[in-house]
Every structure is written in structure tokens, then in C-alpha cells.
């Protein structure tokens, strides 16, 4: 008999996401839903629609990559 296995989407989380992380995740999902496929396109999308970069500056490819590395994605 097969055992049901369930994916825990946040199984590696050490803490709940912050409001900023939740908003950023939602924006990334919307961007992908609209056909965004490359990092430059994603950065441009985030600069148009938000949320803004966590340091208050505009998003750059480097700032996005640094944040993803810091968050562990």
C-alpha cells in the first residue's frame, strides 16, 4: 500500500515570512504569471509595480540577487 506523501512548501523555514517577504513573493508570482522570464525583466517589473527594494533604493539585478541569497532562496 502506497503511503501518502505531502510536500510542505515551507519545510525549510526557520521563521514565518515578514510582510515584505510575502509582498515580494506575491509580486514575483504575478510577474511570472504575466510572462516575465529573465532577471532584467523581473527587476523592471518590481520597479514598476513594487514592492520597493528593502533598502529603499530601486531594484537592480545585484540587489535582487543579494536579497535572494540573504533570504536563502
PDB file of N, CA and C in Angstrom:
ATOM      1  N   UNK A   1       0.845  -1.181   0.000  1.00  0.00           N
ATOM      2  CA  UNK A   1       0.000   0.000   0.000  1.00  0.00           C
ATOM      3  C   UNK A   1       0.889   1.242   0.000  1.00  0.00           C
ATOM      4  N   UNK A   2       0.616   2.149  -0.898  1.00  0.00           N
ATOM      5  CA  UNK A   2       1.403   3.373  -1.004  1.00  0.00           C
ATOM      6  C   UNK A   2       1.073   4.300   0.157  1.00  0.00           C
ATOM      7  N   UNK A   3       2.104   4.937   0.657  1.00  0.00           N
ATOM      8  CA  UNK A   3       1.936   5.910   1.734  1.00  0.00           C
ATOM      9  C   UNK A   3       1.771   7.288   1.096  1.00  0.00           C
ATOM     10  N   UNK A   4       0.749   8.010   1.505  1.00  0.00           N
ATOM     11  CA  UNK A   4       0.568   9.369   1.004  1.00  0.00           C
ATOM     12  C   UNK A   4       1.702  10.238   1.517  1.00  0.00           C
ATOM     13  N   UNK A   5       2.275  11.011   0.619  1.00  0.00           N
ATOM     14  CA  UNK A   5       3.344  11.935   0.994  1.00  0.00           C
ATOM     15  C   UNK A   5       2.893  13.338   0.622  1.00  0.00           C
ATOM     16  N   UNK A   6       3.141  14.252   1.489  1.00  0.00           N
ATOM     17  CA  UNK A   6       2.714  15.615   1.264  1.00  0.00           C
ATOM     18  C   UNK A   6       3.925  16.537   1.282  1.00  0.00           C
ATOM     19  N   UNK A   7       3.952  17.434   0.341  1.00  0.00           N
ATOM     20  CA  UNK A   7       5.001  18.433   0.298  1.00  0.00           C
ATOM     21  C   UNK A   7       4.646  19.546   1.272  1.00  0.00           C
ATOM     22  N   UNK A   8       5.560  19.858   2.112  1.00  0.00           N
ATOM     23  CA  UNK A   8       5.409  21.008   2.994  1.00  0.00           C
ATOM     24  C   UNK A   8       6.128  22.174   2.311  1.00  0.00           C
ATOM     25  N   UNK A   9       5.407  23.105   1.711  1.00  0.00           N
ATOM     26  CA  UNK A   9       6.065  24.138   0.922  1.00  0.00           C
ATOM     27  C   UNK A   9       7.045  25.001   1.701  1.00  0.00           C
ATOM     28  N   UNK A  10       6.889  25.080   2.983  1.00  0.00           N
ATOM     29  CA  UNK A  10       7.778  25.921   3.790  1.00  0.00           C
ATOM     30  C   UNK A  10       8.562  25.081   4.787  1.00  0.00           C
ATOM     31  N   UNK A  11       8.887  23.847   4.414  1.00  0.00           N
ATOM     32  CA  UNK A  11       9.513  22.938   5.361  1.00  0.00           C
ATOM     33  C   UNK A  11      10.899  23.389   5.815  1.00  0.00           C
ATOM     34  N   UNK A  12      11.562  24.227   5.053  1.00  0.00           N
ATOM     35  CA  UNK A  12      12.896  24.668   5.442  1.00  0.00           C
ATOM     36  C   UNK A  12      12.882  25.996   6.198  1.00  0.00           C
ATOM     37  N   UNK A  13      11.717  26.575   6.364  1.00  0.00           N
ATOM     38  CA  UNK A  13      11.639  27.872   7.047  1.00  0.00           C
ATOM     39  C   UNK A  13      12.022  27.743   8.513  1.00  0.00           C
ATOM     40  N   UNK A  14      12.752  28.731   8.958  1.00  0.00           N
ATOM     41  CA  UNK A  14      13.120  28.820  10.361  1.00  0.00           C
ATOM     42  C   UNK A  14      12.193  29.767  11.126  1.00  0.00           C
ATOM     43  N   UNK A  15      11.436  30.584  10.364  1.00  0.00           N
ATOM     44  CA  UNK A  15      10.542  31.571  10.962  1.00  0.00           C
ATOM     45  C   UNK A  15       9.476  31.922   9.944  1.00  0.00           C
ATOM     46  N   UNK A  16       8.383  32.504  10.384  1.00  0.00           N
ATOM     47  CA  UNK A  16       7.371  32.964   9.417  1.00  0.00           C
ATOM     48  C   UNK A  16       7.947  34.084   8.551  1.00  0.00           C
ATOM     49  N   UNK A  17       7.425  34.212   7.340  1.00  0.00           N
ATOM     50  CA  UNK A  17       7.857  35.292   6.468  1.00  0.00           C
ATOM     51  C   UNK A  17       7.408  36.642   6.989  1.00  0.00           C
ATOM     52  N   UNK A  18       8.157  37.676   6.648  1.00  0.00           N
ATOM     53  CA  UNK A  18       7.774  39.038   7.018  1.00  0.00           C
ATOM     54  C   UNK A  18       6.762  39.552   5.998  1.00  0.00           C
ATOM     55  N   UNK A  19       6.131  40.657   6.310  1.00  0.00           N
ATOM     56  CA  UNK A  19       5.195  41.276   5.382  1.00  0.00           C
ATOM     57  C   UNK A  19       5.909  41.596   4.068  1.00  0.00           C
ATOM     58  N   UNK A  20       7.111  42.152   4.148  1.00  0.00           N
ATOM     59  CA  UNK A  20       7.874  42.468   2.942  1.00  0.00           C
ATOM     60  C   UNK A  20       8.121  41.214   2.112  1.00  0.00           C
ATOM     61  N   UNK A  21       8.532  40.129   2.746  1.00  0.00           N
ATOM     62  CA  UNK A  21       8.787  38.883   2.019  1.00  0.00           C
ATOM     63  C   UNK A  21       7.520  38.350   1.359  1.00  0.00           C
ATOM     64  N   UNK A  22       6.405  38.445   2.061  1.00  0.00           N
ATOM     65  CA  UNK A  22       5.133  37.998   1.483  1.00  0.00           C
ATOM     66  C   UNK A  22       4.745  38.850   0.275  1.00  0.00           C
ATOM     67  N   UNK A  23       4.887  40.165   0.394  1.00  0.00           N
ATOM     68  CA  UNK A  23       4.562  41.054  -0.725  1.00  0.00           C
ATOM     69  C   UNK A  23       5.488  40.811  -1.914  1.00  0.00           C
ATOM     70  N   UNK A  24       6.765  40.610  -1.634  1.00  0.00           N
ATOM     71  CA  UNK A  24       7.725  40.346  -2.698  1.00  0.00           C
ATOM     72  C   UNK A  24       7.398  39.027  -3.395  1.00  0.00           C
ATOM     73  N   UNK A  25       7.095  38.007  -2.629  1.00  0.00           N
ATOM     74  CA  UNK A  25       6.725  36.725  -3.220  1.00  0.00           C
ATOM     75  C   UNK A  25       5.490  36.835  -4.098  1.00  0.00           C
ATOM     76  N   UNK A  26       4.500  37.581  -3.630  1.00  0.00           N
ATOM     77  CA  UNK A  26       3.287  37.791  -4.430  1.00  0.00           C
ATOM     78  C   UNK A  26       3.611  38.519  -5.732  1.00  0.00           C
ATOM     79  N   UNK A  27       4.475  39.536  -5.649  1.00  0.00           N
ATOM     80  CA  UNK A  27       4.841  40.298  -6.845  1.00  0.00           C
ATOM     81  C   UNK A  27       5.608  39.426  -7.839  1.00  0.00           C
ATOM     82  N   UNK A  28       6.488  38.572  -7.339  1.00  0.00           N
ATOM     83  CA  UNK A  28       7.240  37.677  -8.223  1.00  0.00           C
ATOM     84  C   UNK A  28       6.292  36.700  -8.907  1.00  0.00           C
ATOM     85  N   UNK A  29       5.338  36.170  -8.168  1.00  0.00           N
ATOM     86  CA  UNK A  29       4.353  35.267  -8.776  1.00  0.00           C
ATOM     87  C   UNK A  29       3.545  35.978  -9.856  1.00  0.00           C
ATOM     88  N   UNK A  30       3.128  37.217  -9.598  1.00  0.00           N
ATOM     89  CA  UNK A  30       2.381  37.984 -10.610  1.00  0.00           C
ATOM     90  C   UNK A  30       3.242  38.216 -11.850  1.00  0.00           C
ATOM     91  N   UNK A  31       4.515  38.545 -11.621  1.00  0.00           N
ATOM     92  CA  UNK A  31       5.424  38.782 -12.748  1.00  0.00           C
ATOM     93  C   UNK A  31       5.540  37.526 -13.611  1.00  0.00           C
ATOM     94  N   UNK A  32       5.741  36.386 -12.991  1.00  0.00           N
ATOM     95  CA  UNK A  32       5.846  35.139 -13.755  1.00  0.00           C
ATOM     96  C   UNK A  32       4.534  34.855 -14.476  1.00  0.00           C
ATOM     97  N   UNK A  33       3.414  35.152 -13.833  1.00  0.00           N
ATOM     98  CA  UNK A  33       2.112  34.959 -14.449  1.00  0.00           C
ATOM     99  C   UNK A  33       1.899  35.833 -15.669  1.00  0.00           C
ATOM    100  N   UNK A  34       2.581  36.964 -15.700  1.00  0.00           N
ATOM    101  CA  UNK A  34       2.484  37.873 -16.843  1.00  0.00           C
ATOM    102  C   UNK A  34       3.540  37.597 -17.905  1.00  0.00           C
ATOM    103  N   UNK A  35       4.297  36.529 -17.718  1.00  0.00           N
ATOM    104  CA  UNK A  35       5.258  36.126 -18.744  1.00  0.00           C
ATOM    105  C   UNK A  35       6.684  36.585 -18.533  1.00  0.00           C
ATOM    106  N   UNK A  36       6.977  37.206 -17.412  1.00  0.00           N
ATOM    107  CA  UNK A  36       8.353  37.618 -17.133  1.00  0.00           C
ATOM    108  C   UNK A  36       9.209  36.357 -17.007  1.00  0.00           C
ATOM    109  N   UNK A  37      10.374  36.369 -17.693  1.00  0.00           N
ATOM    110  CA  UNK A  37      11.210  35.166 -17.689  1.00  0.00           C
ATOM    111  C   UNK A  37      12.658  35.413 -17.333  1.00  0.00           C
ATOM    112  N   UNK A  38      13.113  36.646 -17.429  1.00  0.00           N
ATOM    113  CA  UNK A  38      14.531  36.910 -17.172  1.00  0.00           C
ATOM    114  C   UNK A  38      14.684  37.834 -15.967  1.00  0.00           C
ATOM    115  N   UNK A  39      15.876  37.827 -15.407  1.00  0.00           N
ATOM    116  CA  UNK A  39      16.151  38.695 -14.258  1.00  0.00           C
ATOM    117  C   UNK A  39      15.978  40.173 -14.602  1.00  0.00           C
ATOM    118  N   UNK A  40      16.495  40.648 -15.738  1.00  0.00           N
ATOM    119  CA  UNK A  40      16.257  42.070 -16.058  1.00  0.00           C
ATOM    120  C   UNK A  40      14.766  42.412 -16.172  1.00  0.00           C
ATOM    121  N   UNK A  41      13.981  41.510 -16.738  1.00  0.00           N
ATOM    122  CA  UNK A  41      12.538  41.742 -16.830  1.00  0.00           C
ATOM    123  C   UNK A  41      11.903  41.772 -15.444  1.00  0.00           C
ATOM    124  N   UNK A  42      12.339  40.874 -14.560  1.00  0.00           N
ATOM    125  CA  UNK A  42      11.787  40.816 -13.207  1.00  0.00           C
ATOM    126  C   UNK A  42      12.122  42.080 -12.429  1.00  0.00           C
ATOM    127  N   UNK A  43      13.364  42.527 -12.535  1.00  0.00           N
ATOM    128  CA  UNK A  43      13.778  43.756 -11.845  1.00  0.00           C
ATOM    129  C   UNK A  43      12.970  44.946 -12.352  1.00  0.00           C
ATOM    130  N   UNK A  44      12.777  45.033 -13.656  1.00  0.00           N
ATOM    131  CA  UNK A  44      11.980  46.128 -14.221  1.00  0.00           C
ATOM    132  C   UNK A  44      10.540  46.042 -13.726  1.00  0.00           C
ATOM    133  N   UNK A  45       9.989  44.837 -13.666  1.00  0.00           N
ATOM    134  CA  UNK A  45       8.619  44.649 -13.169  1.00  0.00           C
ATOM    135  C   UNK A  45       8.506  45.126 -11.723  1.00  0.00           C
ATOM    136  N   UNK A  46       9.445  44.716 -10.885  1.00  0.00           N
ATOM    137  CA  UNK A  46       9.403  45.115  -9.469  1.00  0.00           C
ATOM    138  C   UNK A  46       9.535  46.632  -9.324  1.00  0.00           C
ATOM    139  N   UNK A  47      10.355  47.253 -10.152  1.00  0.00           N
ATOM    140  CA  UNK A  47      10.500  48.709 -10.082  1.00  0.00           C
ATOM    141  C   UNK A  47       9.227  49.423 -10.526  1.00  0.00           C
ATOM    142  N   UNK A  48       8.465  48.803 -11.413  1.00  0.00           N
ATOM    143  CA  UNK A  48       7.193  49.403 -11.859  1.00  0.00           C
ATOM    144  C   UNK A  48       6.074  49.178 -10.850  1.00  0.00           C
ATOM    145  N   UNK A  49       6.010  47.964 -10.298  1.00  0.00           N
ATOM    146  CA  UNK A  49       4.827  47.586  -9.526  1.00  0.00           C
ATOM    147  C   UNK A  49       5.067  47.441  -8.027  1.00  0.00           C
ATOM    148  N   UNK A  50       6.323  47.354  -7.625  1.00  0.00           N
ATOM    149  CA  UNK A  50       6.625  47.196  -6.204  1.00  0.00           C
ATOM    150  C   UNK A  50       6.515  45.755  -5.766  1.00  0.00           C
ATOM    151  N   UNK A  51       6.860  45.460  -4.562  1.00  0.00           N
ATOM    152  CA  UNK A  51       7.326  46.413  -3.550  1.00  0.00           C
ATOM    153  C   UNK A  51       8.723  46.916  -3.873  1.00  0.00           C
ATOM    154  N   UNK A  52       9.065  48.052  -3.289  1.00  0.00           N
ATOM    155  CA  UNK A  52      10.393  48.599  -3.491  1.00  0.00           C
ATOM    156  C   UNK A  52      11.443  47.737  -2.823  1.00  0.00           C
ATOM    157  N   UNK A  53      12.662  47.964  -3.201  1.00  0.00           N
ATOM    158  CA  UNK A  53      13.796  47.231  -2.628  1.00  0.00           C
ATOM    159  C   UNK A  53      13.841  47.466  -1.115  1.00  0.00           C
ATOM    160  N   UNK A  54      14.295  46.479  -0.384  1.00  0.00           N
ATOM    161  CA  UNK A  54      14.284  46.568   1.085  1.00  0.00           C
ATOM    162  C   UNK A  54      15.174  47.667   1.638  1.00  0.00           C
ATOM    163  N   UNK A  55      16.110  48.182   0.828  1.00  0.00           N
ATOM    164  CA  UNK A  55      16.982  49.262   1.317  1.00  0.00           C
ATOM    165  C   UNK A  55      16.484  50.642   0.898  1.00  0.00           C
ATOM    166  N   UNK A  56      15.295  50.698   0.276  1.00  0.00           N
ATOM    167  CA  UNK A  56      14.715  51.967  -0.128  1.00  0.00           C
ATOM    168  C   UNK A  56      15.166  52.452  -1.495  1.00  0.00           C
ATOM    169  N   UNK A  57      16.104  51.773  -2.105  1.00  0.00           N
ATOM    170  CA  UNK A  57      16.590  52.135  -3.433  1.00  0.00           C
ATOM    171  C   UNK A  57      15.759  51.422  -4.495  1.00  0.00           C
ATOM    172  N   UNK A  58      16.024  51.713  -5.756  1.00  0.00           N
ATOM    173  CA  UNK A  58      15.387  50.963  -6.830  1.00  0.00           C
ATOM    174  C   UNK A  58      16.030  49.586  -6.908  1.00  0.00           C
ATOM    175  N   UNK A  59      15.267  48.635  -7.423  1.00  0.00           N
ATOM    176  CA  UNK A  59      15.801  47.293  -7.608  1.00  0.00           C
ATOM    177  C   UNK A  59      16.860  47.305  -8.707  1.00  0.00           C
ATOM    178  N   UNK A  60      17.916  46.550  -8.482  1.00  0.00           N
ATOM    179  CA  UNK A  60      18.896  46.252  -9.514  1.00  0.00           C
ATOM    180  C   UNK A  60      19.049  44.739  -9.533  1.00  0.00           C
ATOM    181  N   UNK A  61      19.657  44.229 -10.580  1.00  0.00           N
ATOM    182  CA  UNK A  61      19.896  42.791 -10.615  1.00  0.00           C
ATOM    183  C   UNK A  61      20.734  42.372  -9.410  1.00  0.00           C
ATOM    184  N   UNK A  62      21.740  43.170  -9.080  1.00  0.00           N
ATOM    185  CA  UNK A  62      22.615  42.841  -7.951  1.00  0.00           C
ATOM    186  C   UNK A  62      21.862  42.874  -6.622  1.00  0.00           C
ATOM    187  N   UNK A  63      20.995  43.874  -6.431  1.00  0.00           N
ATOM    188  CA  UNK A  63      20.275  43.956  -5.156  1.00  0.00           C
ATOM    189  C   UNK A  63      19.278  42.811  -5.018  1.00  0.00           C
ATOM    190  N   UNK A  64      18.644  42.418  -6.135  1.00  0.00           N
ATOM    191  CA  UNK A  64      17.714  41.298  -6.084  1.00  0.00           C
ATOM    192  C   UNK A  64      18.459  40.003  -5.761  1.00  0.00           C
ATOM    193  N   UNK A  65      19.568  39.765  -6.434  1.00  0.00           N
ATOM    194  CA  UNK A  65      20.351  38.557  -6.186  1.00  0.00           C
ATOM    195  C   UNK A  65      20.885  38.524  -4.755  1.00  0.00           C
ATOM    196  N   UNK A  66      21.320  39.665  -4.241  1.00  0.00           N
ATOM    197  CA  UNK A  66      21.828  39.717  -2.871  1.00  0.00           C
ATOM    198  C   UNK A  66      20.722  39.407  -1.866  1.00  0.00           C
ATOM    199  N   UNK A  67      19.523  39.937  -2.100  1.00  0.00           N
ATOM    200  CA  UNK A  67      18.414  39.664  -1.196  1.00  0.00           C
ATOM    201  C   UNK A  67      18.041  38.195  -1.244  1.00  0.00           C
ATOM    202  N   UNK A  68      17.968  37.608  -2.425  1.00  0.00           N
ATOM    203  CA  UNK A  68      17.622  36.181  -2.535  1.00  0.00           C
ATOM    204  C   UNK A  68      18.669  35.311  -1.834  1.00  0.00           C
ATOM    205  N   UNK A  69      19.942  35.692  -1.951  1.00  0.00           N
ATOM    206  CA  UNK A  69      20.998  34.936  -1.266  1.00  0.00           C
ATOM    207  C   UNK A  69      20.845  35.067   0.247  1.00  0.00           C
ATOM    208  N   UNK A  70      20.538  36.290   0.709  1.00  0.00           N
ATOM    209  CA  UNK A  70      20.374  36.516   2.141  1.00  0.00           C
ATOM    210  C   UNK A  70      19.163  35.761   2.702  1.00  0.00           C
ATOM    211  N   UNK A  71      18.079  35.722   1.912  1.00  0.00           N
ATOM    212  CA  UNK A  71      16.882  35.041   2.356  1.00  0.00           C
ATOM    213  C   UNK A  71      16.983  33.524   2.193  1.00  0.00           C
ATOM    214  N   UNK A  72      17.974  33.079   1.417  1.00  0.00           N
ATOM    215  CA  UNK A  72      18.184  31.647   1.255  1.00  0.00           C
ATOM    216  C   UNK A  72      17.350  31.009   0.178  1.00  0.00           C
ATOM    217  N   UNK A  73      16.917  31.787  -0.820  1.00  0.00           N
ATOM    218  CA  UNK A  73      16.097  31.220  -1.902  1.00  0.00           C
ATOM    219  C   UNK A  73      16.965  30.776  -3.039  1.00  0.00           C
TER     220      UNK A  73
END
